[in-house]
Amino acid sequence: DMDRLFLEQATAQPVSFWEVLWSEA
């Protein structure tokens, strides 16, 4: 059950790539 839960959670996590446009401390 733990294996299945891990597979489910790993699949639900999006893989994203982001560009930082600006930042102010």
PDB file of all heavy atoms in Angstrom:
ATOM      1  N   ASP A   1       0.837  -1.205   0.000  1.00  0.00           N
ATOM      2  CA  ASP A   1       0.000   0.000   0.000  1.00  0.00           C
ATOM      3  C   ASP A   1       0.869   1.250   0.000  1.00  0.00           C
ATOM      4  O   ASP A   1       0.554   2.226  -0.664  1.00  0.00           O
ATOM      5  CB  ASP A   1      -0.926   0.016   1.219  1.00  0.00           C
ATOM      6  CG  ASP A   1      -2.028  -1.030   1.119  1.00  0.00           C
ATOM      7  OD1 ASP A   1      -2.310  -1.503  -0.002  1.00  0.00           O
ATOM      8  OD2 ASP A   1      -2.612  -1.361   2.170  1.00  0.00           O
ATOM      9  N   MET A   2       1.982   1.204   0.747  1.00  0.00           N
ATOM     10  CA  MET A   2       2.885   2.355   0.790  1.00  0.00           C
ATOM     11  C   MET A   2       3.529   2.579  -0.581  1.00  0.00           C
ATOM     12  O   MET A   2       3.689   3.717  -1.006  1.00  0.00           O
ATOM     13  CB  MET A   2       3.953   2.172   1.860  1.00  0.00           C
ATOM     14  CG  MET A   2       4.890   3.340   1.922  1.00  0.00           C
ATOM     15  SD  MET A   2       5.069   4.286   3.421  1.00  0.00           S
ATOM     16  CE  MET A   2       4.564   3.361   4.762  1.00  0.00           C
ATOM     17  N   ASP A   3       3.892   1.499  -1.280  1.00  0.00           N
ATOM     18  CA  ASP A   3       4.456   1.623  -2.631  1.00  0.00           C
ATOM     19  C   ASP A   3       3.451   2.311  -3.557  1.00  0.00           C
ATOM     20  O   ASP A   3       3.804   3.236  -4.293  1.00  0.00           O
ATOM     21  CB  ASP A   3       4.795   0.252  -3.220  1.00  0.00           C
ATOM     22  CG  ASP A   3       5.946  -0.447  -2.526  1.00  0.00           C
ATOM     23  OD1 ASP A   3       6.772   0.237  -1.888  1.00  0.00           O
ATOM     24  OD2 ASP A   3       6.016  -1.690  -2.637  1.00  0.00           O
ATOM     25  N   ARG A   4       2.215   1.865  -3.521  1.00  0.00           N
ATOM     26  CA  ARG A   4       1.178   2.447  -4.381  1.00  0.00           C
ATOM     27  C   ARG A   4       0.951   3.922  -4.045  1.00  0.00           C
ATOM     28  O   ARG A   4       0.789   4.747  -4.937  1.00  0.00           O
ATOM     29  CB  ARG A   4      -0.127   1.668  -4.247  1.00  0.00           C
ATOM     30  CG  ARG A   4      -0.111   0.372  -5.023  1.00  0.00           C
ATOM     31  CD  ARG A   4      -1.511  -0.261  -5.074  1.00  0.00           C
ATOM     32  NE  ARG A   4      -1.375  -1.689  -5.180  1.00  0.00           N
ATOM     33  CZ  ARG A   4      -1.174  -2.522  -4.152  1.00  0.00           C
ATOM     34  NH1 ARG A   4      -1.126  -2.066  -2.934  1.00  0.00           N
ATOM     35  NH2 ARG A   4      -1.033  -3.810  -4.347  1.00  0.00           N
ATOM     36  N   LEU A   5       0.957   4.236  -2.758  1.00  0.00           N
ATOM     37  CA  LEU A   5       0.785   5.630  -2.342  1.00  0.00           C
ATOM     38  C   LEU A   5       1.937   6.487  -2.856  1.00  0.00           C
ATOM     39  O   LEU A   5       1.728   7.588  -3.366  1.00  0.00           O
ATOM     40  CB  LEU A   5       0.701   5.723  -0.819  1.00  0.00           C
ATOM     41  CG  LEU A   5       0.553   7.137  -0.236  1.00  0.00           C
ATOM     42  CD1 LEU A   5      -0.743   7.780  -0.712  1.00  0.00           C
ATOM     43  CD2 LEU A   5       0.601   7.080   1.279  1.00  0.00           C
ATOM     44  N   PHE A   6       3.156   5.977  -2.748  1.00  0.00           N
ATOM     45  CA  PHE A   6       4.312   6.713  -3.247  1.00  0.00           C
ATOM     46  C   PHE A   6       4.184   6.957  -4.753  1.00  0.00           C
ATOM     47  O   PHE A   6       4.413   8.073  -5.223  1.00  0.00           O
ATOM     48  CB  PHE A   6       5.606   5.952  -2.948  1.00  0.00           C
ATOM     49  CG  PHE A   6       6.804   6.567  -3.605  1.00  0.00           C
ATOM     50  CD1 PHE A   6       7.370   7.719  -3.102  1.00  0.00           C
ATOM     51  CD2 PHE A   6       7.344   6.006  -4.749  1.00  0.00           C
ATOM     52  CE1 PHE A   6       8.462   8.306  -3.719  1.00  0.00           C
ATOM     53  CE2 PHE A   6       8.436   6.577  -5.375  1.00  0.00           C
ATOM     54  CZ  PHE A   6       8.996   7.733  -4.853  1.00  0.00           C
ATOM     55  N   LEU A   7       3.820   5.937  -5.521  1.00  0.00           N
ATOM     56  CA  LEU A   7       3.668   6.083  -6.973  1.00  0.00           C
ATOM     57  C   LEU A   7       2.586   7.114  -7.305  1.00  0.00           C
ATOM     58  O   LEU A   7       2.764   7.936  -8.207  1.00  0.00           O
ATOM     59  CB  LEU A   7       3.337   4.744  -7.620  1.00  0.00           C
ATOM     60  CG  LEU A   7       4.463   3.729  -7.635  1.00  0.00           C
ATOM     61  CD1 LEU A   7       3.957   2.365  -8.084  1.00  0.00           C
ATOM     62  CD2 LEU A   7       5.598   4.197  -8.536  1.00  0.00           C
ATOM     63  N   GLU A   8       1.495   7.068  -6.574  1.00  0.00           N
ATOM     64  CA  GLU A   8       0.413   8.020  -6.785  1.00  0.00           C
ATOM     65  C   GLU A   8       0.872   9.447  -6.497  1.00  0.00           C
ATOM     66  O   GLU A   8       0.619  10.368  -7.274  1.00  0.00           O
ATOM     67  CB  GLU A   8      -0.736   7.644  -5.846  1.00  0.00           C
ATOM     68  CG  GLU A   8      -2.076   8.185  -6.231  1.00  0.00           C
ATOM     69  CD  GLU A   8      -3.147   7.616  -5.312  1.00  0.00           C
ATOM     70  OE1 GLU A   8      -3.412   6.406  -5.367  1.00  0.00           O
ATOM     71  OE2 GLU A   8      -3.684   8.419  -4.528  1.00  0.00           O
ATOM     72  N   GLN A   9       1.563   9.638  -5.378  1.00  0.00           N
ATOM     73  CA  GLN A   9       2.022  10.975  -5.015  1.00  0.00           C
ATOM     74  C   GLN A   9       3.089  11.489  -5.976  1.00  0.00           C
ATOM     75  O   GLN A   9       3.088  12.661  -6.332  1.00  0.00           O
ATOM     76  CB  GLN A   9       2.553  10.974  -3.586  1.00  0.00           C
ATOM     77  CG  GLN A   9       1.475  10.823  -2.550  1.00  0.00           C
ATOM     78  CD  GLN A   9       2.017  10.689  -1.140  1.00  0.00           C
ATOM     79  OE1 GLN A   9       3.178  10.366  -0.932  1.00  0.00           O
ATOM     80  NE2 GLN A   9       1.163  10.923  -0.166  1.00  0.00           N
ATOM     81  N   ALA A  10       4.006  10.614  -6.384  1.00  0.00           N
ATOM     82  CA  ALA A  10       5.063  11.035  -7.308  1.00  0.00           C
ATOM     83  C   ALA A  10       4.484  11.460  -8.652  1.00  0.00           C
ATOM     84  O   ALA A  10       4.972  12.399  -9.279  1.00  0.00           O
ATOM     85  CB  ALA A  10       6.076   9.903  -7.503  1.00  0.00           C
ATOM     86  N   THR A  11       3.432  10.800  -9.082  1.00  0.00           N
ATOM     87  CA  THR A  11       2.795  11.133 -10.347  1.00  0.00           C
ATOM     88  C   THR A  11       1.991  12.420 -10.239  1.00  0.00           C
ATOM     89  O   THR A  11       1.894  13.176 -11.191  1.00  0.00           O
ATOM     90  CB  THR A  11       1.884   9.980 -10.801  1.00  0.00           C
ATOM     91  OG1 THR A  11       2.681   8.793 -10.891  1.00  0.00           O
ATOM     92  CG2 THR A  11       1.274  10.251 -12.153  1.00  0.00           C
ATOM     93  N   ALA A  12       1.427  12.685  -9.077  1.00  0.00           N
ATOM     94  CA  ALA A  12       0.593  13.875  -8.894  1.00  0.00           C
ATOM     95  C   ALA A  12       1.422  15.155  -8.813  1.00  0.00           C
ATOM     96  O   ALA A  12       0.902  16.242  -9.034  1.00  0.00           O
ATOM     97  CB  ALA A  12      -0.246  13.733  -7.624  1.00  0.00           C
ATOM     98  N   GLN A  13       2.711  15.042  -8.493  1.00  0.00           N
ATOM     99  CA  GLN A  13       3.562  16.220  -8.376  1.00  0.00           C
ATOM    100  C   GLN A  13       3.909  16.738  -9.769  1.00  0.00           C
ATOM    101  O   GLN A  13       4.460  16.005 -10.576  1.00  0.00           O
ATOM    102  CB  GLN A  13       4.854  15.895  -7.624  1.00  0.00           C
ATOM    103  CG  GLN A  13       4.624  15.437  -6.208  1.00  0.00           C
ATOM    104  CD  GLN A  13       3.938  16.491  -5.377  1.00  0.00           C
ATOM    105  OE1 GLN A  13       4.285  17.659  -5.418  1.00  0.00           O
ATOM    106  NE2 GLN A  13       2.945  16.078  -4.620  1.00  0.00           N
ATOM    107  N   PRO A  14       3.599  17.991 -10.071  1.00  0.00           N
ATOM    108  CA  PRO A  14       3.939  18.513 -11.401  1.00  0.00           C
ATOM    109  C   PRO A  14       5.442  18.734 -11.549  1.00  0.00           C
ATOM    110  O   PRO A  14       6.133  18.986 -10.567  1.00  0.00           O
ATOM    111  CB  PRO A  14       3.196  19.855 -11.459  1.00  0.00           C
ATOM    112  CG  PRO A  14       3.046  20.259 -10.031  1.00  0.00           C
ATOM    113  CD  PRO A  14       2.932  18.981  -9.243  1.00  0.00           C
ATOM    114  N   VAL A  15       5.906  18.587 -12.763  1.00  0.00           N
ATOM    115  CA  VAL A  15       7.295  18.907 -13.089  1.00  0.00           C
ATOM    116  C   VAL A  15       7.238  20.252 -13.809  1.00  0.00           C
ATOM    117  O   VAL A  15       6.634  20.362 -14.863  1.00  0.00           O
ATOM    118  CB  VAL A  15       7.938  17.837 -13.994  1.00  0.00           C
ATOM    119  CG1 VAL A  15       9.333  18.234 -14.398  1.00  0.00           C
ATOM    120  CG2 VAL A  15       7.928  16.489 -13.287  1.00  0.00           C
ATOM    121  N   SER A  16       7.825  21.263 -13.218  1.00  0.00           N
ATOM    122  CA  SER A  16       7.705  22.619 -13.736  1.00  0.00           C
ATOM    123  C   SER A  16       9.062  23.275 -13.900  1.00  0.00           C
ATOM    124  O   SER A  16       9.985  22.999 -13.144  1.00  0.00           O
ATOM    125  CB  SER A  16       6.877  23.487 -12.787  1.00  0.00           C
ATOM    126  OG  SER A  16       5.631  22.923 -12.542  1.00  0.00           O
ATOM    127  N   PHE A  17       9.132  24.169 -14.863  1.00  0.00           N
ATOM    128  CA  PHE A  17      10.326  24.967 -15.093  1.00  0.00           C
ATOM    129  C   PHE A  17       9.884  26.416 -15.118  1.00  0.00           C
ATOM    130  O   PHE A  17       8.976  26.777 -15.850  1.00  0.00           O
ATOM    131  CB  PHE A  17      10.988  24.593 -16.418  1.00  0.00           C
ATOM    132  CG  PHE A  17      11.415  23.164 -16.464  1.00  0.00           C
ATOM    133  CD1 PHE A  17      10.560  22.192 -16.942  1.00  0.00           C
ATOM    134  CD2 PHE A  17      12.660  22.788 -16.001  1.00  0.00           C
ATOM    135  CE1 PHE A  17      10.945  20.866 -16.969  1.00  0.00           C
ATOM    136  CE2 PHE A  17      13.054  21.463 -16.025  1.00  0.00           C
ATOM    137  CZ  PHE A  17      12.194  20.501 -16.513  1.00  0.00           C
ATOM    138  N   TRP A  18      10.532  27.230 -14.302  1.00  0.00           N
ATOM    139  CA  TRP A  18      10.136  28.616 -14.164  1.00  0.00           C
ATOM    140  C   TRP A  18      11.318  29.541 -14.425  1.00  0.00           C
ATOM    141  O   TRP A  18      12.442  29.215 -14.091  1.00  0.00           O
ATOM    142  CB  TRP A  18       9.612  28.881 -12.748  1.00  0.00           C
ATOM    143  CG  TRP A  18       8.438  28.023 -12.396  1.00  0.00           C
ATOM    144  CD1 TRP A  18       8.474  26.772 -11.855  1.00  0.00           C
ATOM    145  CD2 TRP A  18       7.070  28.337 -12.563  1.00  0.00           C
ATOM    146  NE1 TRP A  18       7.211  26.294 -11.678  1.00  0.00           N
ATOM    147  CE2 TRP A  18       6.320  27.247 -12.103  1.00  0.00           C
ATOM    148  CE3 TRP A  18       6.387  29.444 -13.050  1.00  0.00           C
ATOM    149  CZ2 TRP A  18       4.936  27.225 -12.122  1.00  0.00           C
ATOM    150  CZ3 TRP A  18       5.011  29.421 -13.063  1.00  0.00           C
ATOM    151  CH2 TRP A  18       4.290  28.324 -12.605  1.00  0.00           C
ATOM    152  N   GLU A  19      11.024  30.689 -14.983  1.00  0.00           N
ATOM    153  CA  GLU A  19      12.027  31.729 -15.171  1.00  0.00           C
ATOM    154  C   GLU A  19      11.750  32.827 -14.150  1.00  0.00           C
ATOM    155  O   GLU A  19      10.613  33.293 -14.027  1.00  0.00           O
ATOM    156  CB  GLU A  19      11.919  32.305 -16.586  1.00  0.00           C
ATOM    157  CG  GLU A  19      12.852  33.452 -16.844  1.00  0.00           C
ATOM    158  CD  GLU A  19      12.667  34.049 -18.230  1.00  0.00           C
ATOM    159  OE1 GLU A  19      11.646  33.778 -18.883  1.00  0.00           O
ATOM    160  OE2 GLU A  19      13.561  34.788 -18.650  1.00  0.00           O
ATOM    161  N   VAL A  20      12.773  33.229 -13.406  1.00  0.00           N
ATOM    162  CA  VAL A  20      12.621  34.323 -12.452  1.00  0.00           C
ATOM    163  C   VAL A  20      12.739  35.626 -13.231  1.00  0.00           C
ATOM    164  O   VAL A  20      13.755  35.899 -13.857  1.00  0.00           O
ATOM    165  CB  VAL A  20      13.696  34.255 -11.336  1.00  0.00           C
ATOM    166  CG1 VAL A  20      13.567  35.445 -10.394  1.00  0.00           C
ATOM    167  CG2 VAL A  20      13.608  32.938 -10.583  1.00  0.00           C
ATOM    168  N   LEU A  21      11.686  36.421 -13.194  1.00  0.00           N
ATOM    169  CA  LEU A  21      11.652  37.677 -13.936  1.00  0.00           C
ATOM    170  C   LEU A  21      12.197  38.835 -13.117  1.00  0.00           C
ATOM    171  O   LEU A  21      12.863  39.714 -13.645  1.00  0.00           O
ATOM    172  CB  LEU A  21      10.212  37.991 -14.373  1.00  0.00           C
ATOM    173  CG  LEU A  21       9.552  36.938 -15.262  1.00  0.00           C
ATOM    174  CD1 LEU A  21       8.087  37.301 -15.499  1.00  0.00           C
ATOM    175  CD2 LEU A  21      10.294  36.827 -16.587  1.00  0.00           C
ATOM    176  N   TRP A  22      11.870  38.865 -11.850  1.00  0.00           N
ATOM    177  CA  TRP A  22      12.349  39.905 -10.959  1.00  0.00           C
ATOM    178  C   TRP A  22      12.237  39.427  -9.525  1.00  0.00           C
ATOM    179  O   TRP A  22      11.492  38.501  -9.228  1.00  0.00           O
ATOM    180  CB  TRP A  22      11.564  41.205 -11.141  1.00  0.00           C
ATOM    181  CG  TRP A  22      10.086  41.063 -10.878  1.00  0.00           C
ATOM    182  CD1 TRP A  22       9.117  40.742 -11.782  1.00  0.00           C
ATOM    183  CD2 TRP A  22       9.418  41.215  -9.619  1.00  0.00           C
ATOM    184  NE1 TRP A  22       7.885  40.670 -11.181  1.00  0.00           N
ATOM    185  CE2 TRP A  22       8.038  40.965  -9.835  1.00  0.00           C
ATOM    186  CE3 TRP A  22       9.833  41.534  -8.336  1.00  0.00           C
ATOM    187  CZ2 TRP A  22       7.094  41.033  -8.825  1.00  0.00           C
ATOM    188  CZ3 TRP A  22       8.888  41.599  -7.323  1.00  0.00           C
ATOM    189  CH2 TRP A  22       7.536  41.354  -7.575  1.00  0.00           C
ATOM    190  N   SER A  23      13.014  40.044  -8.653  1.00  0.00           N
ATOM    191  CA  SER A  23      12.878  39.769  -7.228  1.00  0.00           C
ATOM    192  C   SER A  23      13.316  40.991  -6.442  1.00  0.00           C
ATOM    193  O   SER A  23      14.238  41.699  -6.839  1.00  0.00           O
ATOM    194  CB  SER A  23      13.696  38.546  -6.824  1.00  0.00           C
ATOM    195  OG  SER A  23      15.039  38.857  -6.652  1.00  0.00           O
ATOM    196  N   GLU A  24      12.606  41.232  -5.362  1.00  0.00           N
ATOM    197  CA  GLU A  24      12.945  42.313  -4.446  1.00  0.00           C
ATOM    198  C   GLU A  24      12.992  41.712  -3.049  1.00  0.00           C
ATOM    199  O   GLU A  24      11.986  41.161  -2.585  1.00  0.00           O
ATOM    200  CB  GLU A  24      11.897  43.430  -4.502  1.00  0.00           C
ATOM    201  CG  GLU A  24      11.902  44.194  -5.813  1.00  0.00           C
ATOM    202  CD  GLU A  24      10.855  45.299  -5.838  1.00  0.00           C
ATOM    203  OE1 GLU A  24      10.613  45.913  -4.771  1.00  0.00           O
ATOM    204  OE2 GLU A  24      10.285  45.523  -6.904  1.00  0.00           O
ATOM    205  N   ALA A  25      14.142  41.818  -2.410  1.00  0.00           N
ATOM    206  CA  ALA A  25      14.327  41.229  -1.088  1.00  0.00           C
ATOM    207  C   ALA A  25      13.238  41.694  -0.130  1.00  0.00           C
ATOM    208  O   ALA A  25      12.991  42.885   0.015  1.00  0.00           O
ATOM    209  CB  ALA A  25      15.702  41.589  -0.540  1.00  0.00           C
TER     210      ALA A  25
END
